[in-house]
Protein backbone atom coordinates (compact mmCIF):
# COMPACT_ATOMS: atom_id res chain seq x y z
CA MET A 1 -49.85 42.35 6.79
CA SER A 2 -48.64 43.07 3.22
CA PHE A 3 -48.02 40.23 0.64
CA ILE A 4 -44.18 40.46 0.88
CA SER A 5 -44.09 40.11 4.59
CA ARG A 6 -46.20 36.95 4.46
CA ILE A 7 -43.89 35.47 1.90
CA ILE A 8 -40.79 36.05 4.10
CA ARG A 9 -42.43 34.75 7.17
CA SER A 10 -43.78 31.59 5.62
CA ALA A 11 -40.91 30.52 3.57
CA PRO A 12 -37.54 29.56 5.32
CA LEU A 13 -34.27 30.62 3.65
CA LYS A 14 -32.40 27.90 1.99
CA ARG A 15 -28.67 28.03 1.00
CA TYR A 16 -27.78 26.70 -2.41
CA THR A 17 -24.24 26.15 -1.64
CA PRO A 18 -22.91 24.46 1.62
CA LEU A 19 -20.99 26.66 4.04
CA ARG A 20 -18.05 24.45 3.61
CA LYS A 21 -17.10 21.56 1.47
CA LYS A 22 -17.54 18.04 3.03
CA ARG A 23 -14.69 15.55 2.74
CA SER A 24 -15.75 12.55 0.68
CA ARG A 25 -12.85 10.53 2.22
CA PRO A 26 -10.83 10.92 5.35
CA ARG A 27 -7.46 12.57 5.22
CA ARG A 28 -4.45 10.46 4.49
CA THR A 29 -1.82 10.18 7.30
CA LEU A 30 1.80 10.42 6.24
CA ARG A 31 3.44 7.17 5.47
CA VAL A 32 7.03 6.31 6.88
CA VAL A 33 9.19 5.31 4.03
CA ASP A 34 11.99 3.06 5.13
CA LEU A 35 14.37 3.61 1.92
CA ARG A 36 17.31 1.67 3.35
CA HIS A 37 15.17 -1.66 3.69
CA LEU A 38 13.72 -1.11 0.19
CA ASP A 39 17.13 -0.75 -1.11
CA LEU A 40 18.11 -3.93 0.62
CA VAL A 41 15.19 -5.73 -1.03
CA ARG A 42 16.12 -4.43 -4.47
CA GLY A 43 19.57 -5.75 -4.00
CA ARG A 44 18.39 -9.28 -3.61
CA ARG A 45 17.48 -11.88 -5.99
CA CYS A 46 13.96 -12.98 -6.77
CA CYS A 47 12.66 -15.33 -3.97
CA VAL A 48 10.77 -17.45 -6.65
CA CYS A 49 13.22 -17.92 -9.52
CA GLY A 50 16.35 -16.39 -8.36
CA ALA A 51 16.64 -13.82 -11.09
CA PRO A 52 19.44 -11.39 -10.40
CA PRO A 53 18.94 -7.93 -8.87
CA PRO A 54 17.45 -5.46 -9.05
CA SER A 55 14.12 -6.80 -7.85
CA HIS A 56 10.74 -5.29 -7.33
CA PRO A 57 9.84 -4.98 -3.59
CA HIS A 58 6.48 -6.52 -3.17
CA HIS A 59 4.48 -5.46 -0.05
CA VAL A 60 3.04 -8.49 1.39
CA ILE A 61 0.58 -6.56 3.26
CA SER A 62 -0.34 -3.40 1.33
CA ARG A 63 0.33 -0.05 2.39
CA LYS A 64 -3.34 0.97 2.38
CA ALA A 65 -4.11 -2.01 4.68
CA GLY A 66 -1.49 -0.80 7.23
CA GLY A 67 1.66 -2.55 5.86
CA SER A 68 5.03 -1.03 6.03
CA ASP A 69 7.99 -1.11 3.82
CA ARG A 70 9.76 -3.59 6.15
CA GLN A 71 7.03 -6.18 5.12
CA THR A 72 8.42 -6.59 1.47
CA ALA A 73 9.73 -9.34 -0.46
CA PRO A 74 12.04 -9.42 -3.53
CA LEU A 75 10.35 -10.34 -6.87
CA CYS A 76 11.52 -10.01 -10.34
CA PHE A 77 9.25 -8.06 -12.74
CA ASP A 78 7.85 -11.27 -14.22
CA HIS A 79 6.80 -12.61 -10.72
CA HIS A 80 5.61 -9.24 -9.47
CA VAL A 81 3.57 -7.57 -12.13
CA GLY A 82 4.15 -9.78 -15.23
CA GLY A 83 1.93 -12.56 -16.64
CA ARG A 84 2.89 -15.05 -13.99
CA GLY A 85 2.95 -12.29 -11.20
CA ILE A 86 1.34 -12.24 -7.84
CA HIS A 87 -0.82 -9.17 -9.05
CA LYS A 88 -2.33 -11.32 -11.74
CA LEU A 89 -2.69 -14.64 -10.01
CA GLY A 90 -3.47 -13.31 -6.37
CA PRO A 91 -1.77 -14.30 -3.27
CA LYS A 92 -3.36 -17.74 -2.76
CA LEU A 93 -2.83 -19.18 -6.30
CA PHE A 94 0.70 -17.70 -6.27
CA LYS A 95 1.53 -19.59 -3.09
CA GLU A 96 -0.04 -22.71 -4.50
CA ARG A 97 1.82 -22.50 -7.86
CA TYR A 98 5.23 -21.55 -6.56
CA GLY A 99 5.20 -22.73 -2.92
CA VAL A 100 6.75 -19.58 -1.77
CA ASP A 101 5.49 -18.03 1.37
CA LEU A 102 6.21 -14.15 0.86
CA ALA A 103 5.42 -13.24 4.35
CA GLU A 104 8.16 -15.62 5.63
CA GLU A 105 10.65 -14.24 2.97
CA ALA A 106 9.92 -10.62 4.12
CA ALA A 107 10.33 -11.70 7.90
CA LYS A 108 13.83 -13.16 6.91
CA LEU A 109 14.86 -9.88 5.08
CA ASP A 110 13.60 -7.91 8.23
CA ARG A 111 15.67 -9.90 10.57
CA LEU A 112 18.65 -9.72 8.11
CA ARG A 113 18.27 -5.92 8.41
CA TYR A 114 17.92 -5.85 12.06
CA GLU A 115 21.25 -7.91 12.38
CA GLN A 116 23.02 -5.57 10.10
CA LYS A 117 21.96 -2.58 12.25
CA GLU A 118 23.36 -4.39 15.44
CA ARG A 119 26.66 -4.92 13.72
CA THR A 120 27.32 -1.27 13.04
């Protein structure tokens, strides 16, 4: 047996590149966007201070956590992303400080939208 044939038989072949790339994270599913409901929320006053529209729609349950556009509450810029906003304070401290249940506000708007649909 020659020297080269001994090397080939004893050492298994190794690939330096994988056959196909592995996904580091799962594929995203398409998100249903309810633009009419978001427009309804943008046209409402802030549910904390009553600032005039347009408002920012705040997703009570984040979209990444499975929330939808129908679970949104209207907040002005300051109470949404500003210095006194829910994204700075966090949901617990925001509810303690302002006494506003955003999930309840979102449910009210969802019922309002449903009633508007029934009328038309």
